[in-house]
Amino acid sequence: MPFVNIKITREGATAEQKRQLIKGATDLMVNVLGKNPATTIVLIEEIDTDNWGLGGESITERRKRGS
């Protein structure tokens, strides 16, 4: 049973965009690895930008600076 975990920042991804991510990730597993779509799990985790860091600072701070 394949399990795909997609992590994105919580910045307003719509239900339709998430639907497309789930469909696309499932299709990729089917097309590349021959997995059964009925048993392919896709989990989308939305993470606050204060809880996601890069280069020693939060994404919130980096975005404020324009990086």
C-alpha atoms as a PDB file:
ATOM      1  CA  MET A   1       0.000   0.000   0.000  1.00  0.00           C
ATOM      2  CA  PRO A   2       1.800   3.172  -1.168  1.00  0.00           C
ATOM      3  CA  PHE A   3       1.730   6.205   1.096  1.00  0.00           C
ATOM      4  CA  VAL A   4       2.523   9.652  -0.298  1.00  0.00           C
ATOM      5  CA  ASN A   5       2.973  12.537   2.143  1.00  0.00           C
ATOM      6  CA  ILE A   6       2.824  16.042   0.669  1.00  0.00           C
ATOM      7  CA  LYS A   7       3.805  18.918   2.944  1.00  0.00           C
ATOM      8  CA  ILE A   8       2.919  22.473   1.979  1.00  0.00           C
ATOM      9  CA  THR A   9       2.811  25.753   3.825  1.00  0.00           C
ATOM     10  CA  ARG A  10      -0.609  26.807   5.064  1.00  0.00           C
ATOM     11  CA  GLU A  11      -1.232  29.676   2.686  1.00  0.00           C
ATOM     12  CA  GLY A  12      -4.626  29.049   1.231  1.00  0.00           C
ATOM     13  CA  ALA A  13      -4.380  26.046  -1.070  1.00  0.00           C
ATOM     14  CA  THR A  14      -7.930  25.511  -2.273  1.00  0.00           C
ATOM     15  CA  ALA A  15      -9.894  22.288  -2.053  1.00  0.00           C
ATOM     16  CA  GLU A  16      -9.595  22.012  -5.842  1.00  0.00           C
ATOM     17  CA  GLN A  17      -5.798  22.396  -5.730  1.00  0.00           C
ATOM     18  CA  LYS A  18      -5.598  19.709  -3.058  1.00  0.00           C
ATOM     19  CA  ARG A  19      -7.845  17.449  -5.146  1.00  0.00           C
ATOM     20  CA  GLN A  20      -5.441  17.912  -8.053  1.00  0.00           C
ATOM     21  CA  LEU A  21      -2.443  17.082  -5.842  1.00  0.00           C
ATOM     22  CA  ILE A  22      -4.123  13.908  -4.601  1.00  0.00           C
ATOM     23  CA  LYS A  23      -5.093  12.858  -8.126  1.00  0.00           C
ATOM     24  CA  GLY A  24      -1.678  13.720  -9.559  1.00  0.00           C
ATOM     25  CA  ALA A  25       0.274  11.901  -6.844  1.00  0.00           C
ATOM     26  CA  THR A  26      -1.951   8.852  -7.230  1.00  0.00           C
ATOM     27  CA  ASP A  27      -1.557   8.876 -11.016  1.00  0.00           C
ATOM     28  CA  LEU A  28       2.221   9.158 -10.638  1.00  0.00           C
ATOM     29  CA  MET A  29       2.353   6.081  -8.400  1.00  0.00           C
ATOM     30  CA  VAL A  30       0.193   4.170 -10.888  1.00  0.00           C
ATOM     31  CA  ASN A  31       2.136   5.256 -13.989  1.00  0.00           C
ATOM     32  CA  VAL A  32       5.676   4.975 -12.618  1.00  0.00           C
ATOM     33  CA  LEU A  33       5.440   2.094 -10.144  1.00  0.00           C
ATOM     34  CA  GLY A  34       2.337   0.273 -11.331  1.00  0.00           C
ATOM     35  CA  LYS A  35       0.590   0.722  -7.972  1.00  0.00           C
ATOM     36  CA  ASN A  36      -3.112   0.163  -7.444  1.00  0.00           C
ATOM     37  CA  PRO A  37      -4.872   3.547  -7.131  1.00  0.00           C
ATOM     38  CA  ALA A  38      -7.501   2.017  -4.828  1.00  0.00           C
ATOM     39  CA  THR A  39      -4.844   1.335  -2.197  1.00  0.00           C
ATOM     40  CA  THR A  40      -2.704   4.444  -2.688  1.00  0.00           C
ATOM     41  CA  ILE A  41      -2.899   6.842   0.247  1.00  0.00           C
ATOM     42  CA  VAL A  42      -2.105  10.541  -0.241  1.00  0.00           C
ATOM     43  CA  LEU A  43      -1.837  12.782   2.812  1.00  0.00           C
ATOM     44  CA  ILE A  44      -1.517  16.551   2.534  1.00  0.00           C
ATOM     45  CA  GLU A  45      -0.099  18.294   5.587  1.00  0.00           C
ATOM     46  CA  GLU A  46      -0.392  22.059   5.791  1.00  0.00           C
ATOM     47  CA  ILE A  47       2.224  23.636   8.033  1.00  0.00           C
ATOM     48  CA  ASP A  48       2.156  27.178   9.380  1.00  0.00           C
ATOM     49  CA  THR A  49       5.041  29.231   8.006  1.00  0.00           C
ATOM     50  CA  ASP A  50       6.147  29.943  11.603  1.00  0.00           C
ATOM     51  CA  ASN A  51       6.672  26.183  12.017  1.00  0.00           C
ATOM     52  CA  TRP A  52       8.767  25.674   8.878  1.00  0.00           C
ATOM     53  CA  GLY A  53      12.361  26.855   8.779  1.00  0.00           C
ATOM     54  CA  LEU A  54      15.115  27.159   6.214  1.00  0.00           C
ATOM     55  CA  GLY A  55      18.630  28.444   6.700  1.00  0.00           C
ATOM     56  CA  GLY A  56      18.112  29.120  10.397  1.00  0.00           C
ATOM     57  CA  GLU A  57      14.958  31.201  10.117  1.00  0.00           C
ATOM     58  CA  SER A  58      11.252  30.624   9.710  1.00  0.00           C
ATOM     59  CA  ILE A  59       9.564  30.854   6.341  1.00  0.00           C
ATOM     60  CA  THR A  60       7.496  33.729   7.772  1.00  0.00           C
ATOM     61  CA  GLU A  61      10.692  35.708   8.423  1.00  0.00           C
ATOM     62  CA  ARG A  62      12.162  34.865   5.026  1.00  0.00           C
ATOM     63  CA  ARG A  63       8.991  35.934   3.226  1.00  0.00           C
ATOM     64  CA  LYS A  64       8.932  39.238   5.139  1.00  0.00           C
ATOM     65  CA  ARG A  65      12.457  39.887   3.821  1.00  0.00           C
ATOM     66  CA  GLY A  66      11.424  38.901   0.314  1.00  0.00           C
ATOM     67  CA  SER A  67      13.585  35.749   0.137  1.00  0.00           C
END
